[in-house]
N, C-alpha and C. Protein backbone atom coordinates (compact mmCIF):
# COMPACT_ATOMS: atom_id res chain seq x y z
N MET A 1 -48.72 43.33 -13.44
CA MET A 1 -49.17 43.77 -14.75
C MET A 1 -48.53 45.12 -15.05
N THR A 2 -48.33 45.38 -16.27
CA THR A 2 -47.67 46.61 -16.66
C THR A 2 -48.68 47.64 -17.12
N GLY A 3 -48.24 48.89 -17.17
CA GLY A 3 -49.10 49.94 -17.69
C GLY A 3 -49.94 50.58 -16.61
N GLY A 4 -50.66 51.64 -17.01
CA GLY A 4 -51.45 52.40 -16.06
C GLY A 4 -52.80 51.79 -15.76
N SER A 5 -53.42 51.15 -16.72
CA SER A 5 -54.74 50.59 -16.49
C SER A 5 -54.65 49.09 -16.34
N THR A 6 -55.64 48.53 -15.66
CA THR A 6 -55.64 47.09 -15.45
C THR A 6 -56.10 46.39 -16.71
N VAL A 7 -55.83 45.11 -16.76
CA VAL A 7 -56.28 44.31 -17.90
C VAL A 7 -57.80 44.33 -17.97
N THR A 8 -58.46 44.31 -16.80
CA THR A 8 -59.92 44.35 -16.78
C THR A 8 -60.44 45.60 -17.48
N GLU A 9 -59.85 46.75 -17.17
CA GLU A 9 -60.26 47.99 -17.82
C GLU A 9 -60.02 47.94 -19.32
N LYS A 10 -58.88 47.39 -19.72
CA LYS A 10 -58.56 47.29 -21.14
C LYS A 10 -59.56 46.38 -21.86
N VAL A 11 -59.90 45.25 -21.23
CA VAL A 11 -60.86 44.33 -21.85
C VAL A 11 -62.22 44.99 -21.97
N LYS A 12 -62.65 45.70 -20.91
CA LYS A 12 -63.95 46.38 -20.96
C LYS A 12 -63.99 47.42 -22.08
N LEU A 13 -62.95 48.23 -22.17
CA LEU A 13 -62.89 49.25 -23.22
C LEU A 13 -62.88 48.60 -24.60
N ALA A 14 -62.11 47.55 -24.75
CA ALA A 14 -62.04 46.86 -26.04
C ALA A 14 -63.37 46.23 -26.39
N TRP A 15 -64.05 45.69 -25.39
CA TRP A 15 -65.35 45.05 -25.62
C TRP A 15 -66.34 46.08 -26.13
N VAL A 16 -66.34 47.25 -25.50
CA VAL A 16 -67.23 48.33 -25.92
C VAL A 16 -66.90 48.76 -27.34
N ALA A 17 -65.63 48.83 -27.66
CA ALA A 17 -65.20 49.25 -28.99
C ALA A 17 -65.32 48.13 -30.01
N GLY A 18 -65.67 46.94 -29.56
CA GLY A 18 -65.77 45.81 -30.46
C GLY A 18 -64.43 45.25 -30.88
N GLU A 19 -63.40 45.53 -30.11
CA GLU A 19 -62.05 45.08 -30.44
C GLU A 19 -61.44 44.34 -29.26
N ALA A 20 -62.08 43.28 -28.83
CA ALA A 20 -61.62 42.55 -27.65
C ALA A 20 -60.37 41.72 -27.91
N GLN A 21 -60.13 41.36 -29.16
CA GLN A 21 -59.03 40.45 -29.46
C GLN A 21 -57.66 40.95 -28.96
N PRO A 22 -57.27 42.21 -29.19
CA PRO A 22 -55.96 42.66 -28.69
C PRO A 22 -55.87 42.63 -27.16
N ALA A 23 -56.95 43.00 -26.47
CA ALA A 23 -56.94 42.98 -25.01
C ALA A 23 -56.83 41.55 -24.50
N LEU A 24 -57.55 40.63 -25.13
CA LEU A 24 -57.47 39.23 -24.73
C LEU A 24 -56.10 38.64 -25.05
N ALA A 25 -55.50 39.06 -26.16
CA ALA A 25 -54.16 38.60 -26.51
C ALA A 25 -53.15 39.06 -25.46
N GLU A 26 -53.31 40.28 -24.98
CA GLU A 26 -52.43 40.80 -23.93
C GLU A 26 -52.58 39.97 -22.65
N LEU A 27 -53.80 39.64 -22.31
CA LEU A 27 -54.06 38.83 -21.13
C LEU A 27 -53.47 37.43 -21.29
N MET A 28 -53.63 36.83 -22.46
CA MET A 28 -53.06 35.51 -22.70
C MET A 28 -51.54 35.54 -22.60
N HIS A 29 -50.93 36.61 -23.09
CA HIS A 29 -49.48 36.76 -22.97
C HIS A 29 -49.08 36.82 -21.50
N GLU A 30 -49.82 37.58 -20.71
CA GLU A 30 -49.54 37.72 -19.28
C GLU A 30 -49.63 36.36 -18.58
N LEU A 31 -50.66 35.60 -18.91
CA LEU A 31 -50.82 34.26 -18.32
C LEU A 31 -49.68 33.34 -18.73
N ALA A 32 -49.37 33.32 -20.01
CA ALA A 32 -48.32 32.44 -20.51
C ALA A 32 -46.98 32.77 -19.86
N GLU A 33 -46.69 34.06 -19.74
CA GLU A 33 -45.43 34.50 -19.14
C GLU A 33 -45.34 34.05 -17.67
N ALA A 34 -46.42 34.27 -16.91
CA ALA A 34 -46.43 33.89 -15.50
C ALA A 34 -46.32 32.38 -15.32
N LEU A 35 -47.03 31.63 -16.16
CA LEU A 35 -46.99 30.17 -16.04
C LEU A 35 -45.62 29.61 -16.46
N THR A 36 -45.00 30.21 -17.46
CA THR A 36 -43.66 29.79 -17.88
C THR A 36 -42.66 30.04 -16.76
N ALA A 37 -42.74 31.20 -16.14
CA ALA A 37 -41.84 31.52 -15.02
C ALA A 37 -42.08 30.55 -13.86
N THR A 38 -43.33 30.24 -13.57
CA THR A 38 -43.64 29.30 -12.50
C THR A 38 -43.00 27.95 -12.78
N GLY A 39 -43.14 27.46 -14.00
CA GLY A 39 -42.53 26.18 -14.36
C GLY A 39 -41.02 26.22 -14.24
N SER A 40 -40.40 27.32 -14.62
CA SER A 40 -38.95 27.45 -14.52
C SER A 40 -38.49 27.40 -13.06
N TYR A 41 -39.21 28.12 -12.20
CA TYR A 41 -38.85 28.11 -10.78
C TYR A 41 -39.04 26.72 -10.16
N LEU A 42 -40.10 26.03 -10.55
CA LEU A 42 -40.32 24.68 -10.03
C LEU A 42 -39.24 23.71 -10.52
N THR A 43 -38.84 23.86 -11.79
CA THR A 43 -37.77 23.02 -12.33
C THR A 43 -36.47 23.28 -11.58
N ALA A 44 -36.15 24.55 -11.33
CA ALA A 44 -34.93 24.89 -10.60
C ALA A 44 -34.96 24.31 -9.18
N THR A 45 -36.11 24.39 -8.54
CA THR A 45 -36.24 23.84 -7.19
C THR A 45 -36.04 22.33 -7.20
N THR A 46 -36.64 21.65 -8.17
CA THR A 46 -36.50 20.20 -8.28
C THR A 46 -35.03 19.83 -8.50
N ARG A 47 -34.35 20.58 -9.34
CA ARG A 47 -32.93 20.29 -9.60
C ARG A 47 -32.10 20.50 -8.33
N MET A 48 -32.42 21.53 -7.56
CA MET A 48 -31.69 21.76 -6.31
C MET A 48 -31.89 20.60 -5.35
N LEU A 49 -33.12 20.10 -5.30
CA LEU A 49 -33.42 18.98 -4.41
C LEU A 49 -32.76 17.69 -4.88
N ASP A 50 -32.64 17.52 -6.20
CA ASP A 50 -32.02 16.31 -6.76
C ASP A 50 -30.49 16.34 -6.69
N ALA A 51 -29.92 17.52 -6.56
CA ALA A 51 -28.46 17.66 -6.58
C ALA A 51 -27.84 16.93 -5.39
N ALA A 52 -26.61 16.51 -5.59
CA ALA A 52 -25.88 15.84 -4.51
C ALA A 52 -25.69 16.80 -3.35
N GLY A 53 -25.84 16.28 -2.17
CA GLY A 53 -25.68 17.12 -0.98
C GLY A 53 -26.96 17.87 -0.65
N ASP A 54 -26.87 18.65 0.37
CA ASP A 54 -28.02 19.43 0.81
C ASP A 54 -28.06 20.77 0.09
N PRO A 55 -29.19 21.09 -0.56
CA PRO A 55 -29.29 22.40 -1.22
C PRO A 55 -29.40 23.50 -0.16
N PRO A 56 -28.87 24.65 -0.46
CA PRO A 56 -28.96 25.76 0.49
C PRO A 56 -30.43 26.12 0.75
N GLU A 57 -30.81 26.13 2.00
CA GLU A 57 -32.20 26.39 2.37
C GLU A 57 -32.68 27.76 1.87
N GLU A 58 -31.84 28.75 1.96
CA GLU A 58 -32.24 30.10 1.53
C GLU A 58 -32.53 30.15 0.04
N ARG A 59 -31.72 29.47 -0.77
CA ARG A 59 -31.96 29.45 -2.22
C ARG A 59 -33.27 28.77 -2.55
N LEU A 60 -33.56 27.66 -1.87
CA LEU A 60 -34.84 26.97 -2.09
C LEU A 60 -36.00 27.87 -1.69
N LYS A 61 -35.89 28.51 -0.56
CA LYS A 61 -36.95 29.39 -0.08
C LYS A 61 -37.19 30.53 -1.06
N GLU A 62 -36.12 31.15 -1.53
CA GLU A 62 -36.23 32.26 -2.48
C GLU A 62 -36.87 31.81 -3.79
N THR A 63 -36.47 30.64 -4.28
CA THR A 63 -37.02 30.14 -5.53
C THR A 63 -38.50 29.81 -5.39
N LEU A 64 -38.87 29.20 -4.28
CA LEU A 64 -40.29 28.90 -4.05
C LEU A 64 -41.12 30.17 -3.88
N GLN A 65 -40.56 31.20 -3.26
CA GLN A 65 -41.27 32.47 -3.13
C GLN A 65 -41.50 33.10 -4.51
N LYS A 66 -40.51 33.02 -5.39
CA LYS A 66 -40.66 33.53 -6.76
C LYS A 66 -41.74 32.74 -7.49
N CYS A 67 -41.76 31.45 -7.29
CA CYS A 67 -42.78 30.60 -7.91
C CYS A 67 -44.17 31.02 -7.44
N MET A 68 -44.33 31.24 -6.16
CA MET A 68 -45.63 31.64 -5.61
C MET A 68 -46.05 33.01 -6.14
N ALA A 69 -45.10 33.91 -6.32
CA ALA A 69 -45.42 35.24 -6.87
C ALA A 69 -45.95 35.12 -8.29
N GLN A 70 -45.34 34.24 -9.08
CA GLN A 70 -45.81 34.05 -10.45
C GLN A 70 -47.16 33.35 -10.48
N PHE A 71 -47.38 32.43 -9.55
CA PHE A 71 -48.68 31.78 -9.44
C PHE A 71 -49.76 32.82 -9.11
N ALA A 72 -49.45 33.73 -8.19
CA ALA A 72 -50.39 34.80 -7.83
C ALA A 72 -50.66 35.70 -9.04
N ARG A 73 -49.63 35.97 -9.82
CA ARG A 73 -49.77 36.80 -11.03
C ARG A 73 -50.72 36.14 -12.02
N ALA A 74 -50.55 34.84 -12.25
CA ALA A 74 -51.43 34.12 -13.17
C ALA A 74 -52.85 34.07 -12.64
N THR A 75 -53.00 33.84 -11.34
CA THR A 75 -54.32 33.79 -10.72
C THR A 75 -55.03 35.13 -10.86
N GLU A 76 -54.32 36.21 -10.67
CA GLU A 76 -54.90 37.55 -10.81
C GLU A 76 -55.34 37.81 -12.25
N ALA A 77 -54.54 37.37 -13.21
CA ALA A 77 -54.91 37.56 -14.62
C ALA A 77 -56.20 36.79 -14.94
N VAL A 78 -56.32 35.58 -14.42
CA VAL A 78 -57.53 34.80 -14.64
C VAL A 78 -58.73 35.49 -13.99
N ARG A 79 -58.54 35.99 -12.77
CA ARG A 79 -59.63 36.70 -12.08
C ARG A 79 -60.08 37.92 -12.88
N GLN A 80 -59.12 38.67 -13.41
CA GLN A 80 -59.46 39.85 -14.19
C GLN A 80 -60.21 39.47 -15.46
N LEU A 81 -59.80 38.41 -16.10
CA LEU A 81 -60.51 37.96 -17.31
C LEU A 81 -61.93 37.56 -16.96
N ARG A 82 -62.09 36.78 -15.90
CA ARG A 82 -63.42 36.35 -15.48
C ARG A 82 -64.31 37.56 -15.18
N ASP A 83 -63.75 38.55 -14.43
CA ASP A 83 -64.52 39.75 -14.11
C ASP A 83 -64.89 40.53 -15.37
N ALA A 84 -63.94 40.67 -16.27
CA ALA A 84 -64.20 41.43 -17.50
C ALA A 84 -65.26 40.76 -18.35
N LEU A 85 -65.18 39.44 -18.45
CA LEU A 85 -66.15 38.72 -19.27
C LEU A 85 -67.54 38.74 -18.64
N SER A 86 -67.61 38.64 -17.31
CA SER A 86 -68.93 38.66 -16.65
C SER A 86 -69.55 40.05 -16.72
N GLU A 87 -68.73 41.10 -16.69
CA GLU A 87 -69.26 42.46 -16.81
C GLU A 87 -69.60 42.82 -18.24
N GLY A 88 -69.02 42.10 -19.20
CA GLY A 88 -69.28 42.37 -20.61
C GLY A 88 -70.58 41.79 -21.12
N ARG A 89 -71.23 40.99 -20.30
CA ARG A 89 -72.49 40.35 -20.72
C ARG A 89 -73.64 41.31 -20.71
């Protein structure tokens, strides 16, 4: 995530100010970006596996590691949203 404060902090502050929509929009952007990257990495991996011959093991490993990093990014964004919403009640 970018910036100095976490998305959870931004959502909490926005909730208090009655302006949750921009904070939630930022979170949705973060999720969409991470999920798009994950799909791209999975597509690249599938293409490497489908290609004629043996795909380089290191390239596959690197691509799968990038995919897992984006999955972790999306999972963290969901966790932060859940925490922010449960604390906002």
